[in-house]
Amino acid sequence: MSDYGLSKAKRYNASGVEKKPLSESSIKVYVGNFNSIKMKFLDLDNPDDYSWVMDFKDIDKYLEAFSSNTRRNKYAALLVVLQSMNIFPEAQKYYNEKQNELNEEYNKFQETGKPLPSQKEKYVEKKDIEQMIKDIKKDLVKDDNKQLEQGYVLFKLYSKIPRRNDFGNLKFIPIWSELSDEERKGNNYFDGKDLYINQYKTSAKYSEQKIELNKTLHKLLNSYVSKYKVNDNESLFKNSSGGDLTTNNLTKLLNRISQKYLGKNISTTMLAKIYMSEFSQTNEKIKSKAKQRGNSTAMMSNVYIKNFNQT
């Protein structure tokens, strides 16, 4: 699959200073968002023709069906890919303006401390997540279902460690000290004791993150590795076809399970908001959770701590 030159593209900030290259995970997100729009408007008889990006009204109308945050991400993907390919400057300008409008709207809303309407619809309380985890555990006694057990393990992890979709591609690498620096940078892994996260959104800023597991999670992951005979350097979690779990697969898995037990789609982002919303803006625990997630403390306070009782 083409990355539209994103892995080699040079990027500059508003002051003309060159930015760091996009991470592999960011490239995947941009490409996925761009392709989702491309497949809707592409002329199949002329797949190399990108003039469809100039259909501003049709694209805007199509994106109206999505949340403002999703629209923001999709406009960003259109802009970044077109910049990388150095084509259609008029479209670049248009999508940059659309992205800036949504960024401004998003930032103003974040300052209120209120959740977005779409977030409030999906919100459940921490106790509901905890009950769901207990219910899944009971059901696993009656039905030894690997997909459900994966969901159980992942919900347990995310209920304690508020990461993005970084756990979906965890590998079991017990002797990580034998890895080269390049191999370490390319993997998120469990060494039988702790987690080491290298592939994540802000990795360029925070580098490798070691996450020490408590006894419960340590025992849970090792039992899972043993039960499913996970080999060295093999992914812990698989999709329904037996392939490695992608970030998209992870979202679908969590949504499918939470929809079954709670009637709502609960993503890793919503889990972070649910668990972080119990902390006050000055709580010292924010610093610890921000580090676990790979965020700044300000980001955690402004974006993830919400008062869901506000209207």
C-alpha atoms as a PDB file:
ATOM      1  CA  MET A   1       0.000   0.000   0.000  1.00  0.00           C
ATOM      2  CA  SER A   2       1.338   3.417  -0.972  1.00  0.00           C
ATOM      3  CA  ASP A   3       2.229   5.872   1.778  1.00  0.00           C
ATOM      4  CA  TYR A   4       2.081   8.748  -0.752  1.00  0.00           C
ATOM      5  CA  GLY A   5       5.666   9.678   0.060  1.00  0.00           C
ATOM      6  CA  LEU A   6       4.864  10.506   3.699  1.00  0.00           C
ATOM      7  CA  SER A   7       7.792   8.480   5.045  1.00  0.00           C
ATOM      8  CA  LYS A   8      10.236  10.651   3.095  1.00  0.00           C
ATOM      9  CA  ALA A   9       8.391  13.964   3.033  1.00  0.00           C
ATOM     10  CA  LYS A  10       9.991  17.000   4.613  1.00  0.00           C
ATOM     11  CA  ARG A  11       7.648  19.028   6.798  1.00  0.00           C
ATOM     12  CA  TYR A  12       7.975  22.572   8.110  1.00  0.00           C
ATOM     13  CA  ASN A  13       6.229  24.563  10.805  1.00  0.00           C
ATOM     14  CA  ALA A  14       4.802  28.062  10.353  1.00  0.00           C
ATOM     15  CA  SER A  15       8.244  29.564  11.049  1.00  0.00           C
ATOM     16  CA  GLY A  16       9.881  27.498   8.325  1.00  0.00           C
ATOM     17  CA  VAL A  17      11.716  25.189  10.711  1.00  0.00           C
ATOM     18  CA  GLU A  18      11.842  21.576   9.568  1.00  0.00           C
ATOM     19  CA  LYS A  19       9.757  19.181  11.646  1.00  0.00           C
ATOM     20  CA  LYS A  20      10.709  15.653  12.634  1.00  0.00           C
ATOM     21  CA  PRO A  21       9.609  12.898  10.218  1.00  0.00           C
ATOM     22  CA  LEU A  22       6.182  11.396  10.767  1.00  0.00           C
ATOM     23  CA  SER A  23       6.128   8.253  12.875  1.00  0.00           C
ATOM     24  CA  GLU A  24       5.061   4.977  11.288  1.00  0.00           C
ATOM     25  CA  SER A  25       1.857   4.962  13.329  1.00  0.00           C
ATOM     26  CA  SER A  26       0.968   8.523  12.233  1.00  0.00           C
ATOM     27  CA  ILE A  27       1.584   7.626   8.598  1.00  0.00           C
ATOM     28  CA  LYS A  28      -0.802   4.675   8.906  1.00  0.00           C
ATOM     29  CA  VAL A  29      -3.516   6.916  10.337  1.00  0.00           C
ATOM     30  CA  TYR A  30      -3.085   9.580   7.633  1.00  0.00           C
ATOM     31  CA  VAL A  31      -3.051   6.980   4.849  1.00  0.00           C
ATOM     32  CA  GLY A  32      -6.100   5.208   6.266  1.00  0.00           C
ATOM     33  CA  ASN A  33      -8.103   8.433   6.510  1.00  0.00           C
ATOM     34  CA  PHE A  34      -7.032   9.591   3.049  1.00  0.00           C
ATOM     35  CA  ASN A  35      -7.857   6.236   1.465  1.00  0.00           C
ATOM     36  CA  SER A  36     -11.310   6.153   3.059  1.00  0.00           C
ATOM     37  CA  ILE A  37     -12.153   9.384   1.211  1.00  0.00           C
ATOM     38  CA  LYS A  38     -10.297   8.368  -1.937  1.00  0.00           C
ATOM     39  CA  MET A  39     -12.342   5.167  -2.306  1.00  0.00           C
ATOM     40  CA  LYS A  40     -15.536   7.228  -2.090  1.00  0.00           C
ATOM     41  CA  PHE A  41     -14.610   9.702  -4.852  1.00  0.00           C
ATOM     42  CA  LEU A  42     -11.974   7.955  -6.972  1.00  0.00           C
ATOM     43  CA  ASP A  43     -12.647   7.451 -10.687  1.00  0.00           C
ATOM     44  CA  LEU A  44     -12.014   3.693 -10.970  1.00  0.00           C
ATOM     45  CA  ASP A  45     -11.349   4.051 -14.694  1.00  0.00           C
ATOM     46  CA  ASN A  46      -8.570   6.518 -13.965  1.00  0.00           C
ATOM     47  CA  PRO A  47      -7.093   5.669 -10.526  1.00  0.00           C
ATOM     48  CA  ASP A  48      -4.073   7.946 -10.975  1.00  0.00           C
ATOM     49  CA  ASP A  49      -6.287  11.011 -11.389  1.00  0.00           C
ATOM     50  CA  TYR A  50      -6.490  12.920  -8.092  1.00  0.00           C
ATOM     51  CA  SER A  51      -8.658  15.744  -9.390  1.00  0.00           C
ATOM     52  CA  TRP A  52     -11.466  14.455  -7.152  1.00  0.00           C
ATOM     53  CA  VAL A  53      -9.785  16.337  -4.287  1.00  0.00           C
ATOM     54  CA  MET A  54     -11.129  19.526  -5.882  1.00  0.00           C
ATOM     55  CA  ASP A  55     -14.742  18.416  -5.332  1.00  0.00           C
ATOM     56  CA  PHE A  56     -14.943  20.509  -2.168  1.00  0.00           C
ATOM     57  CA  LYS A  57     -18.731  20.598  -1.823  1.00  0.00           C
ATOM     58  CA  ASP A  58     -19.138  16.835  -2.275  1.00  0.00           C
ATOM     59  CA  ILE A  59     -16.316  16.024   0.118  1.00  0.00           C
ATOM     60  CA  ASP A  60     -17.632  18.471   2.729  1.00  0.00           C
ATOM     61  CA  LYS A  61     -21.109  16.952   2.421  1.00  0.00           C
ATOM     62  CA  TYR A  62     -19.702  13.435   2.792  1.00  0.00           C
ATOM     63  CA  LEU A  63     -17.734  14.387   5.916  1.00  0.00           C
ATOM     64  CA  GLU A  64     -20.764  16.036   7.557  1.00  0.00           C
ATOM     65  CA  ALA A  65     -21.877  12.566   8.667  1.00  0.00           C
ATOM     66  CA  PHE A  66     -18.814  12.270  10.941  1.00  0.00           C
ATOM     67  CA  SER A  67     -18.073  13.874  14.303  1.00  0.00           C
ATOM     68  CA  SER A  68     -16.157  17.154  14.288  1.00  0.00           C
ATOM     69  CA  ASN A  69     -13.060  15.391  15.612  1.00  0.00           C
ATOM     70  CA  THR A  70     -13.188  12.773  12.848  1.00  0.00           C
ATOM     71  CA  ARG A  71     -13.727  15.475  10.222  1.00  0.00           C
ATOM     72  CA  ARG A  72     -10.716  17.320  11.598  1.00  0.00           C
ATOM     73  CA  ASN A  73      -8.568  14.198  11.230  1.00  0.00           C
ATOM     74  CA  LYS A  74      -9.785  13.503   7.703  1.00  0.00           C
ATOM     75  CA  TYR A  75      -9.173  17.067   6.524  1.00  0.00           C
ATOM     76  CA  ALA A  76      -5.698  16.811   8.058  1.00  0.00           C
ATOM     77  CA  ALA A  77      -5.067  13.609   6.085  1.00  0.00           C
ATOM     78  CA  LEU A  78      -6.152  15.273   2.834  1.00  0.00           C
ATOM     79  CA  LEU A  79      -3.845  18.207   3.512  1.00  0.00           C
ATOM     80  CA  VAL A  80      -0.800  16.171   4.563  1.00  0.00           C
ATOM     81  CA  VAL A  81      -1.006  13.754   1.624  1.00  0.00           C
ATOM     82  CA  LEU A  82      -1.490  16.507  -0.954  1.00  0.00           C
ATOM     83  CA  GLN A  83       1.457  18.411   0.534  1.00  0.00           C
ATOM     84  CA  SER A  84       3.593  15.285   0.395  1.00  0.00           C
ATOM     85  CA  MET A  85       2.674  14.678  -3.259  1.00  0.00           C
ATOM     86  CA  ASN A  86       3.029  18.415  -4.017  1.00  0.00           C
ATOM     87  CA  ILE A  87      -0.203  18.553  -6.016  1.00  0.00           C
ATOM     88  CA  PHE A  88      -3.330  20.732  -6.135  1.00  0.00           C
ATOM     89  CA  PRO A  89      -2.159  23.778  -4.098  1.00  0.00           C
ATOM     90  CA  GLU A  90      -5.685  25.229  -4.193  1.00  0.00           C
ATOM     91  CA  ALA A  91      -6.997  22.086  -2.479  1.00  0.00           C
ATOM     92  CA  GLN A  92      -4.163  22.246   0.042  1.00  0.00           C
ATOM     93  CA  LYS A  93      -5.193  25.785   0.951  1.00  0.00           C
ATOM     94  CA  TYR A  94      -8.866  24.816   1.245  1.00  0.00           C
ATOM     95  CA  TYR A  95      -8.271  21.765   3.462  1.00  0.00           C
ATOM     96  CA  ASN A  96      -5.825  23.708   5.606  1.00  0.00           C
ATOM     97  CA  GLU A  97      -8.541  26.313   6.230  1.00  0.00           C
ATOM     98  CA  LYS A  98     -11.118  23.617   7.046  1.00  0.00           C
ATOM     99  CA  GLN A  99      -8.708  21.944   9.441  1.00  0.00           C
ATOM    100  CA  ASN A 100      -7.897  25.272  11.136  1.00  0.00           C
ATOM    101  CA  GLU A 101     -11.603  26.050  11.560  1.00  0.00           C
ATOM    102  CA  LEU A 102     -12.211  22.710  13.254  1.00  0.00           C
ATOM    103  CA  ASN A 103      -9.041  23.056  15.352  1.00  0.00           C
ATOM    104  CA  GLU A 104     -10.242  26.427  16.626  1.00  0.00           C
ATOM    105  CA  GLU A 105     -13.684  25.029  17.380  1.00  0.00           C
ATOM    106  CA  TYR A 106     -12.134  22.021  19.140  1.00  0.00           C
ATOM    107  CA  ASN A 107      -9.726  24.122  21.227  1.00  0.00           C
ATOM    108  CA  LYS A 108     -12.480  26.512  22.348  1.00  0.00           C
ATOM    109  CA  PHE A 109     -14.620  23.588  23.427  1.00  0.00           C
ATOM    110  CA  GLN A 110     -11.722  21.970  25.315  1.00  0.00           C
ATOM    111  CA  GLU A 111     -11.288  25.176  27.327  1.00  0.00           C
ATOM    112  CA  THR A 112     -14.831  24.874  28.686  1.00  0.00           C
ATOM    113  CA  GLY A 113     -13.989  21.596  30.439  1.00  0.00           C
ATOM    114  CA  LYS A 114     -17.135  20.086  28.936  1.00  0.00           C
ATOM    115  CA  PRO A 115     -17.191  16.890  26.883  1.00  0.00           C
ATOM    116  CA  LEU A 116     -18.096  17.051  23.216  1.00  0.00           C
ATOM    117  CA  PRO A 117     -21.736  16.037  22.519  1.00  0.00           C
ATOM    118  CA  SER A 118     -20.529  12.838  20.812  1.00  0.00           C
ATOM    119  CA  GLN A 119     -18.397  12.032  23.870  1.00  0.00           C
ATOM    120  CA  LYS A 120     -21.303  12.539  26.260  1.00  0.00           C
ATOM    121  CA  GLU A 121     -23.444  10.124  24.255  1.00  0.00           C
ATOM    122  CA  LYS A 122     -20.807   7.409  24.591  1.00  0.00           C
ATOM    123  CA  TYR A 123     -19.919   8.132  28.197  1.00  0.00           C
ATOM    124  CA  VAL A 124     -20.404   5.550  30.925  1.00  0.00           C
ATOM    125  CA  GLU A 125     -19.170   5.670  34.487  1.00  0.00           C
ATOM    126  CA  LYS A 126     -16.062   3.931  35.747  1.00  0.00           C
ATOM    127  CA  LYS A 127     -18.216   1.499  37.726  1.00  0.00           C
ATOM    128  CA  ASP A 128     -19.916   0.420  34.468  1.00  0.00           C
ATOM    129  CA  ILE A 129     -16.558  -0.462  32.908  1.00  0.00           C
ATOM    130  CA  GLU A 130     -15.538  -2.369  36.030  1.00  0.00           C
ATOM    131  CA  GLN A 131     -18.837  -4.294  35.997  1.00  0.00           C
ATOM    132  CA  MET A 132     -18.418  -5.093  32.309  1.00  0.00           C
ATOM    133  CA  ILE A 133     -14.957  -6.531  32.995  1.00  0.00           C
ATOM    134  CA  LYS A 134     -16.431  -8.718  35.756  1.00  0.00           C
ATOM    135  CA  ASP A 135     -19.244  -9.877  33.456  1.00  0.00           C
ATOM    136  CA  ILE A 136     -16.773 -10.768  30.694  1.00  0.00           C
ATOM    137  CA  LYS A 137     -14.737 -12.809  33.176  1.00  0.00           C
ATOM    138  CA  LYS A 138     -17.878 -14.743  34.200  1.00  0.00           C
ATOM    139  CA  ASP A 139     -18.786 -15.410  30.575  1.00  0.00           C
ATOM    140  CA  LEU A 140     -15.281 -16.687  29.835  1.00  0.00           C
ATOM    141  CA  VAL A 141     -15.843 -19.449  32.395  1.00  0.00           C
ATOM    142  CA  LYS A 142     -18.815 -20.636  30.313  1.00  0.00           C
ATOM    143  CA  ASP A 143     -17.369 -19.869  26.877  1.00  0.00           C
ATOM    144  CA  ASP A 144     -13.630 -20.176  26.197  1.00  0.00           C
ATOM    145  CA  ASN A 145     -13.656 -17.564  23.425  1.00  0.00           C
ATOM    146  CA  LYS A 146     -10.248 -16.159  22.426  1.00  0.00           C
ATOM    147  CA  GLN A 147     -11.593 -12.917  20.939  1.00  0.00           C
ATOM    148  CA  LEU A 148     -13.589 -12.259  24.101  1.00  0.00           C
ATOM    149  CA  GLU A 149     -10.580 -13.107  26.273  1.00  0.00           C
ATOM    150  CA  GLN A 150      -8.434 -10.705  24.266  1.00  0.00           C
ATOM    151  CA  GLY A 151     -11.029  -8.029  24.930  1.00  0.00           C
ATOM    152  CA  TYR A 152     -10.968  -8.888  28.631  1.00  0.00           C
ATOM    153  CA  VAL A 153      -7.169  -8.580  28.816  1.00  0.00           C
ATOM    154  CA  LEU A 154      -7.182  -5.330  26.844  1.00  0.00           C
ATOM    155  CA  PHE A 155      -9.934  -3.730  28.933  1.00  0.00           C
ATOM    156  CA  LYS A 156      -8.021  -4.714  32.086  1.00  0.00           C
ATOM    157  CA  LEU A 157      -4.879  -3.084  30.690  1.00  0.00           C
ATOM    158  CA  TYR A 158      -6.629   0.095  29.568  1.00  0.00           C
ATOM    159  CA  SER A 159      -8.519   0.424  32.852  1.00  0.00           C
ATOM    160  CA  LYS A 160      -5.157   0.831  34.598  1.00  0.00           C
ATOM    161  CA  ILE A 161      -2.992   2.339  31.852  1.00  0.00           C
ATOM    162  CA  PRO A 162      -4.727   5.046  29.740  1.00  0.00           C
ATOM    163  CA  ARG A 163      -2.833   4.584  26.463  1.00  0.00           C
ATOM    164  CA  ARG A 164      -4.015   5.098  22.900  1.00  0.00           C
ATOM    165  CA  ASN A 165      -4.298   2.010  20.659  1.00  0.00           C
ATOM    166  CA  ASP A 166      -0.684   1.124  21.478  1.00  0.00           C
ATOM    167  CA  PHE A 167      -1.401  -2.267  23.066  1.00  0.00           C
ATOM    168  CA  GLY A 168      -2.970  -3.835  19.993  1.00  0.00           C
ATOM    169  CA  ASN A 169       0.408  -4.603  18.413  1.00  0.00           C
ATOM    170  CA  LEU A 170       2.188  -5.799  21.561  1.00  0.00           C
ATOM    171  CA  LYS A 171       4.728  -8.546  20.935  1.00  0.00           C
ATOM    172  CA  PHE A 172       6.088 -11.063  23.404  1.00  0.00           C
ATOM    173  CA  ILE A 173       9.858 -10.530  23.492  1.00  0.00           C
ATOM    174  CA  PRO A 174      11.246 -12.058  26.727  1.00  0.00           C
ATOM    175  CA  ILE A 175      14.907 -11.310  25.975  1.00  0.00           C
ATOM    176  CA  TRP A 176      14.569  -7.702  24.829  1.00  0.00           C
ATOM    177  CA  SER A 177      18.178  -6.915  25.798  1.00  0.00           C
ATOM    178  CA  GLU A 178      19.296  -8.878  22.737  1.00  0.00           C
ATOM    179  CA  LEU A 179      17.419  -6.562  20.386  1.00  0.00           C
ATOM    180  CA  SER A 180      19.261  -3.943  18.379  1.00  0.00           C
ATOM    181  CA  ASP A 181      18.284  -0.294  18.861  1.00  0.00           C
ATOM    182  CA  GLU A 182      16.516  -0.396  15.496  1.00  0.00           C
ATOM    183  CA  GLU A 183      14.525  -3.513  16.462  1.00  0.00           C
ATOM    184  CA  ARG A 184      13.510  -1.960  19.767  1.00  0.00           C
ATOM    185  CA  LYS A 185      12.312   1.232  18.078  1.00  0.00           C
ATOM    186  CA  GLY A 186      10.098  -0.790  15.767  1.00  0.00           C
ATOM    187  CA  ASN A 187       8.203  -2.700  18.449  1.00  0.00           C
ATOM    188  CA  ASN A 188       5.852  -2.414  21.396  1.00  0.00           C
ATOM    189  CA  TYR A 189       6.468  -5.439  23.561  1.00  0.00           C
ATOM    190  CA  PHE A 190       5.932  -7.372  26.757  1.00  0.00           C
ATOM    191  CA  ASP A 191       9.067  -9.012  28.155  1.00  0.00           C
ATOM    192  CA  GLY A 192       7.291 -11.197  30.704  1.00  0.00           C
ATOM    193  CA  LYS A 193       7.513  -8.506  33.343  1.00  0.00           C
ATOM    194  CA  ASP A 194       6.878  -5.010  31.980  1.00  0.00           C
ATOM    195  CA  LEU A 195       5.724  -3.227  28.821  1.00  0.00           C
ATOM    196  CA  TYR A 196       8.017  -1.272  26.501  1.00  0.00           C
ATOM    197  CA  ILE A 197       6.269   1.136  24.130  1.00  0.00           C
ATOM    198  CA  ASN A 198       8.174   2.529  21.139  1.00  0.00           C
ATOM    199  CA  GLN A 199       5.534   2.884  18.417  1.00  0.00           C
ATOM    200  CA  TYR A 200       3.101   5.591  19.518  1.00  0.00           C
ATOM    201  CA  LYS A 201       1.909   9.042  18.482  1.00  0.00           C
ATOM    202  CA  THR A 202       4.387  11.122  20.504  1.00  0.00           C
ATOM    203  CA  SER A 203       7.349   8.719  20.357  1.00  0.00           C
ATOM    204  CA  ALA A 204       9.541  11.340  18.647  1.00  0.00           C
ATOM    205  CA  LYS A 205       9.215  13.491  21.771  1.00  0.00           C
ATOM    206  CA  TYR A 206       9.196  10.935  24.583  1.00  0.00           C
ATOM    207  CA  SER A 207      11.197   8.002  23.081  1.00  0.00           C
ATOM    208  CA  GLU A 208      10.794   4.481  24.517  1.00  0.00           C
ATOM    209  CA  GLN A 209       8.467   4.232  27.478  1.00  0.00           C
ATOM    210  CA  LYS A 210       8.755   1.500  30.072  1.00  0.00           C
ATOM    211  CA  ILE A 211       5.497   0.753  31.871  1.00  0.00           C
ATOM    212  CA  GLU A 212       5.880  -1.257  35.053  1.00  0.00           C
ATOM    213  CA  LEU A 213       2.962  -3.626  35.567  1.00  0.00           C
ATOM    214  CA  ASN A 214       1.331  -4.320  38.895  1.00  0.00           C
ATOM    215  CA  LYS A 215       1.070  -7.913  40.117  1.00  0.00           C
ATOM    216  CA  THR A 216      -2.446  -8.376  38.746  1.00  0.00           C
ATOM    217  CA  LEU A 217      -1.584  -7.300  35.200  1.00  0.00           C
ATOM    218  CA  HIS A 218       1.748  -9.136  35.293  1.00  0.00           C
ATOM    219  CA  LYS A 219      -0.017 -12.377  36.215  1.00  0.00           C
ATOM    220  CA  LEU A 220      -2.821 -11.765  33.696  1.00  0.00           C
ATOM    221  CA  LEU A 221      -0.491 -11.266  30.718  1.00  0.00           C
ATOM    222  CA  ASN A 222       1.770 -14.188  31.599  1.00  0.00           C
ATOM    223  CA  SER A 223      -1.238 -16.487  32.008  1.00  0.00           C
ATOM    224  CA  TYR A 224      -2.503 -15.337  28.608  1.00  0.00           C
ATOM    225  CA  VAL A 225       0.912 -15.946  26.975  1.00  0.00           C
ATOM    226  CA  SER A 226       1.062 -19.404  28.514  1.00  0.00           C
ATOM    227  CA  LYS A 227      -2.513 -20.390  27.664  1.00  0.00           C
ATOM    228  CA  TYR A 228      -2.252 -19.402  24.004  1.00  0.00           C
ATOM    229  CA  LYS A 229       1.373 -20.516  23.657  1.00  0.00           C
ATOM    230  CA  VAL A 230       2.544 -17.152  22.346  1.00  0.00           C
ATOM    231  CA  ASN A 231       5.987 -17.650  20.800  1.00  0.00           C
ATOM    232  CA  ASP A 232       8.971 -15.342  21.191  1.00  0.00           C
ATOM    233  CA  ASN A 233       8.666 -12.273  18.941  1.00  0.00           C
ATOM    234  CA  GLU A 234       5.009 -13.105  18.207  1.00  0.00           C
ATOM    235  CA  SER A 235       2.103 -10.680  18.579  1.00  0.00           C
ATOM    236  CA  LEU A 236      -0.004 -11.265  21.682  1.00  0.00           C
ATOM    237  CA  PHE A 237      -3.288 -10.293  20.093  1.00  0.00           C
ATOM    238  CA  LYS A 238      -4.799 -11.509  16.823  1.00  0.00           C
ATOM    239  CA  ASN A 239      -7.755 -10.516  14.696  1.00  0.00           C
ATOM    240  CA  SER A 240     -10.583 -12.953  13.947  1.00  0.00           C
ATOM    241  CA  SER A 241      -8.686 -14.225  10.877  1.00  0.00           C
ATOM    242  CA  GLY A 242      -5.541 -15.002  12.866  1.00  0.00           C
ATOM    243  CA  GLY A 243      -3.529 -12.017  11.621  1.00  0.00           C
ATOM    244  CA  ASP A 244      -1.820  -9.486  13.858  1.00  0.00           C
ATOM    245  CA  LEU A 245      -4.188  -7.017  15.489  1.00  0.00           C
ATOM    246  CA  THR A 246      -4.034  -3.560  13.876  1.00  0.00           C
ATOM    247  CA  THR A 247      -5.076  -0.330  15.601  1.00  0.00           C
ATOM    248  CA  ASN A 248      -8.301  -0.441  13.580  1.00  0.00           C
ATOM    249  CA  ASN A 249      -8.891  -4.086  14.599  1.00  0.00           C
ATOM    250  CA  LEU A 250      -8.366  -3.088  18.225  1.00  0.00           C
ATOM    251  CA  THR A 251     -10.975  -0.348  18.033  1.00  0.00           C
ATOM    252  CA  LYS A 252     -13.464  -2.720  16.400  1.00  0.00           C
ATOM    253  CA  LEU A 253     -12.812  -5.412  19.029  1.00  0.00           C
ATOM    254  CA  LEU A 254     -13.346  -3.038  21.961  1.00  0.00           C
ATOM    255  CA  ASN A 255     -16.409  -1.497  20.296  1.00  0.00           C
ATOM    256  CA  ARG A 256     -17.952  -4.901  19.570  1.00  0.00           C
ATOM    257  CA  ILE A 257     -17.521  -6.084  23.154  1.00  0.00           C
ATOM    258  CA  SER A 258     -18.587  -2.821  24.824  1.00  0.00           C
ATOM    259  CA  GLN A 259     -21.617  -2.622  22.531  1.00  0.00           C
ATOM    260  CA  LYS A 260     -22.620  -6.129  23.634  1.00  0.00           C
ATOM    261  CA  TYR A 261     -22.233  -5.455  27.369  1.00  0.00           C
ATOM    262  CA  LEU A 262     -22.963  -1.720  27.635  1.00  0.00           C
ATOM    263  CA  GLY A 263     -24.839  -0.829  24.466  1.00  0.00           C
ATOM    264  CA  LYS A 264     -22.178   1.763  23.600  1.00  0.00           C
ATOM    265  CA  ASN A 265     -18.939   1.861  21.624  1.00  0.00           C
ATOM    266  CA  ILE A 266     -16.113   2.467  24.083  1.00  0.00           C
ATOM    267  CA  SER A 267     -12.770   3.386  22.506  1.00  0.00           C
ATOM    268  CA  THR A 268      -9.372   3.726  24.167  1.00  0.00           C
ATOM    269  CA  THR A 269      -9.812   7.517  24.058  1.00  0.00           C
ATOM    270  CA  MET A 270     -13.146   7.307  25.873  1.00  0.00           C
ATOM    271  CA  LEU A 271     -11.639   4.917  28.435  1.00  0.00           C
ATOM    272  CA  ALA A 272      -8.925   7.486  29.158  1.00  0.00           C
ATOM    273  CA  LYS A 273     -11.538  10.230  29.612  1.00  0.00           C
ATOM    274  CA  ILE A 274     -13.642   8.030  31.894  1.00  0.00           C
ATOM    275  CA  TYR A 275     -10.745   7.118  34.171  1.00  0.00           C
ATOM    276  CA  MET A 276      -9.080  10.536  34.125  1.00  0.00           C
ATOM    277  CA  SER A 277     -12.289  12.461  34.852  1.00  0.00           C
ATOM    278  CA  GLU A 278     -12.183  11.333  38.482  1.00  0.00           C
ATOM    279  CA  PHE A 279      -9.047  13.424  39.061  1.00  0.00           C
ATOM    280  CA  SER A 280      -9.035  17.125  39.842  1.00  0.00           C
ATOM    281  CA  GLN A 281      -7.051  19.478  37.628  1.00  0.00           C
ATOM    282  CA  THR A 282      -4.325  19.715  40.294  1.00  0.00           C
ATOM    283  CA  ASN A 283      -4.178  16.054  41.256  1.00  0.00           C
ATOM    284  CA  GLU A 284      -0.608  14.717  41.292  1.00  0.00           C
ATOM    285  CA  LYS A 285      -1.874  11.502  39.736  1.00  0.00           C
ATOM    286  CA  ILE A 286      -2.345  13.389  36.465  1.00  0.00           C
ATOM    287  CA  LYS A 287       1.440  13.538  36.024  1.00  0.00           C
ATOM    288  CA  SER A 288       1.738   9.776  36.382  1.00  0.00           C
ATOM    289  CA  LYS A 289      -1.141   9.061  34.000  1.00  0.00           C
ATOM    290  CA  ALA A 290       0.152  11.603  31.478  1.00  0.00           C
ATOM    291  CA  LYS A 291       3.519   9.839  31.435  1.00  0.00           C
ATOM    292  CA  GLN A 292       1.838   6.456  31.007  1.00  0.00           C
ATOM    293  CA  ARG A 293      -0.124   7.748  28.034  1.00  0.00           C
ATOM    294  CA  GLY A 294       2.752   9.615  26.418  1.00  0.00           C
ATOM    295  CA  ASN A 295       1.110  13.025  26.867  1.00  0.00           C
ATOM    296  CA  SER A 296       2.044  16.273  28.543  1.00  0.00           C
ATOM    297  CA  THR A 297       0.290  17.084  31.823  1.00  0.00           C
ATOM    298  CA  ALA A 298      -1.399  20.041  30.117  1.00  0.00           C
ATOM    299  CA  MET A 299      -2.790  17.766  27.395  1.00  0.00           C
ATOM    300  CA  MET A 300      -4.216  15.378  29.979  1.00  0.00           C
ATOM    301  CA  SER A 301      -5.822  18.248  31.914  1.00  0.00           C
ATOM    302  CA  ASN A 302      -7.277  20.028  28.894  1.00  0.00           C
ATOM    303  CA  VAL A 303      -8.352  17.101  26.737  1.00  0.00           C
ATOM    304  CA  TYR A 304      -8.940  14.045  28.910  1.00  0.00           C
ATOM    305  CA  ILE A 305     -10.275  15.413  32.195  1.00  0.00           C
ATOM    306  CA  LYS A 306     -13.906  16.293  31.571  1.00  0.00           C
ATOM    307  CA  ASN A 307     -16.875  17.086  33.766  1.00  0.00           C
ATOM    308  CA  PHE A 308     -19.536  14.851  32.250  1.00  0.00           C
ATOM    309  CA  ASN A 309     -22.158  16.334  34.580  1.00  0.00           C
ATOM    310  CA  GLN A 310     -21.924  19.673  32.794  1.00  0.00           C
ATOM    311  CA  THR A 311     -24.483  20.493  30.149  1.00  0.00           C
END
